[in-house]
N, C-alpha and C. Protein backbone atom coordinates (compact mmCIF):
# COMPACT_ATOMS: atom_id res chain seq x y z
N MET A 1 -20.84 14.52 -11.99
CA MET A 1 -19.92 14.08 -12.09
C MET A 1 -19.57 13.22 -13.38
N HIS A 2 -18.17 13.90 -13.94
CA HIS A 2 -17.94 13.90 -15.39
C HIS A 2 -17.13 11.98 -15.24
N PHE A 3 -16.97 11.56 -15.76
CA PHE A 3 -16.56 10.34 -16.09
C PHE A 3 -14.84 10.57 -15.77
N SER A 4 -14.37 11.27 -16.44
CA SER A 4 -12.97 11.38 -15.89
C SER A 4 -12.83 11.62 -14.50
N ASN A 5 -13.39 12.25 -13.92
CA ASN A 5 -13.32 12.73 -12.30
C ASN A 5 -13.74 11.78 -11.70
N LEU A 6 -14.33 10.68 -12.26
CA LEU A 6 -14.91 9.49 -11.20
C LEU A 6 -13.77 8.63 -11.56
N ALA A 7 -12.98 8.41 -12.51
CA ALA A 7 -12.07 7.48 -12.73
C ALA A 7 -10.80 7.90 -12.18
N GLU A 8 -10.70 9.50 -12.25
CA GLU A 8 -9.01 9.51 -11.13
C GLU A 8 -9.52 9.53 -9.32
N PHE A 9 -10.90 9.86 -9.26
CA PHE A 9 -11.22 9.29 -8.20
C PHE A 9 -10.99 8.13 -7.64
N PHE A 10 -11.39 6.81 -8.64
CA PHE A 10 -10.85 5.55 -7.90
C PHE A 10 -9.47 5.45 -8.38
N SER A 11 -9.03 5.93 -9.17
CA SER A 11 -7.90 5.69 -9.82
C SER A 11 -6.63 6.22 -8.14
N ASN A 12 -7.24 7.29 -7.81
CA ASN A 12 -6.23 7.84 -6.27
C ASN A 12 -6.75 6.89 -5.19
N ILE A 13 -7.86 6.40 -5.07
CA ILE A 13 -8.48 5.27 -4.00
C ILE A 13 -7.48 4.32 -3.73
N LEU A 14 -7.19 3.90 -5.15
CA LEU A 14 -6.63 2.49 -5.48
C LEU A 14 -5.44 2.36 -5.27
N ASP A 15 -4.58 3.75 -5.45
CA ASP A 15 -2.80 4.00 -5.18
C ASP A 15 -3.26 3.64 -3.54
N THR A 16 -4.13 4.89 -3.13
CA THR A 16 -3.72 4.91 -1.68
C THR A 16 -4.29 3.80 -0.80
N ALA A 17 -5.00 2.92 -1.23
CA ALA A 17 -5.30 1.51 -0.61
C ALA A 17 -4.50 1.09 -1.02
N GLY A 18 -3.39 0.89 -1.93
CA GLY A 18 -2.19 -0.26 -2.42
C GLY A 18 -1.09 0.31 -1.43
N SER A 19 -1.41 1.47 -1.49
CA SER A 19 0.47 1.46 -0.76
C SER A 19 0.20 1.57 1.21
N ILE A 20 -1.31 1.57 1.72
CA ILE A 20 -1.59 1.24 2.59
C ILE A 20 -1.43 -0.27 3.03
N LEU A 21 -2.01 -1.16 2.02
CA LEU A 21 -1.86 -2.53 1.89
C LEU A 21 -0.29 -2.91 2.12
N ARG A 22 0.39 -2.58 1.36
CA ARG A 22 1.66 -2.32 1.27
C ARG A 22 2.44 -2.52 2.38
N HIS A 23 2.14 -1.24 3.04
CA HIS A 23 2.60 -1.34 4.60
C HIS A 23 2.45 -2.04 5.55
N VAL A 24 0.78 -2.60 5.55
CA VAL A 24 0.21 -3.15 6.48
C VAL A 24 1.36 -5.08 6.21
N THR A 25 1.40 -5.27 5.01
CA THR A 25 1.99 -6.45 4.70
C THR A 25 3.18 -6.42 5.14
N GLU A 26 4.29 -5.37 4.94
CA GLU A 26 5.48 -5.43 5.48
C GLU A 26 5.75 -5.29 6.80
N ARG A 27 4.47 -5.34 7.12
CA ARG A 27 4.65 -5.08 8.69
C ARG A 27 4.27 -6.28 9.56
N ARG A 28 3.43 -6.93 8.80
CA ARG A 28 2.94 -8.19 8.95
C ARG A 28 4.23 -9.51 9.08
N THR A 29 4.88 -9.11 7.51
CA THR A 29 6.03 -9.90 7.45
C THR A 29 6.93 -9.84 8.28
N GLU A 30 7.22 -9.07 8.70
CA GLU A 30 8.88 -8.74 10.07
C GLU A 30 7.67 -8.79 11.04
N ASN A 31 6.94 -8.87 11.03
CA ASN A 31 6.69 -9.43 12.87
C ASN A 31 6.32 -10.87 12.97
N SER A 32 5.85 -11.49 11.63
CA SER A 32 5.69 -13.31 11.57
C SER A 32 7.11 -13.74 11.72
N ASP A 33 8.20 -12.89 10.73
CA ASP A 33 9.57 -13.52 10.11
C ASP A 33 10.47 -12.99 11.45
N GLY A 34 10.38 -12.71 13.01
CA GLY A 34 11.05 -12.49 13.69
C GLY A 34 11.84 -11.35 13.50
N GLY A 35 11.50 -10.46 12.48
CA GLY A 35 12.42 -8.99 12.08
C GLY A 35 13.21 -9.27 11.18
N HIS A 36 13.41 -10.60 10.03
CA HIS A 36 14.17 -10.86 9.35
C HIS A 36 13.39 -10.56 7.83
N ALA A 37 12.13 -9.80 7.84
CA ALA A 37 11.85 -9.73 6.48
C ALA A 37 13.08 -8.65 5.48
N ALA A 38 12.36 -8.79 4.00
CA ALA A 38 13.01 -7.92 3.11
C ALA A 38 13.40 -6.72 3.96
N PRO A 39 14.56 -6.34 3.40
CA PRO A 39 14.75 -4.51 3.67
C PRO A 39 13.88 -3.53 3.90
N ASP A 40 13.92 -2.75 4.51
CA ASP A 40 12.94 -1.61 4.26
C ASP A 40 13.39 -0.66 3.53
N THR A 41 12.63 -0.27 2.33
CA THR A 41 12.60 0.73 1.32
C THR A 41 12.58 1.94 1.69
N THR A 42 11.82 2.10 2.58
CA THR A 42 11.36 3.17 2.97
C THR A 42 12.91 4.26 4.30
N ALA A 43 13.62 2.99 4.58
CA ALA A 43 14.42 3.71 5.51
C ALA A 43 15.53 4.96 4.64
């Protein structure tokens, strides 16, 4: 495997993990905040 492929692979993993984490933390703050979290930008 070439280094560029490896770098792209890790970059994709980090992007995916980042969006999952963002989604999870948004859910958490919504629940713990009684639903008064920041507006959902995905709406």
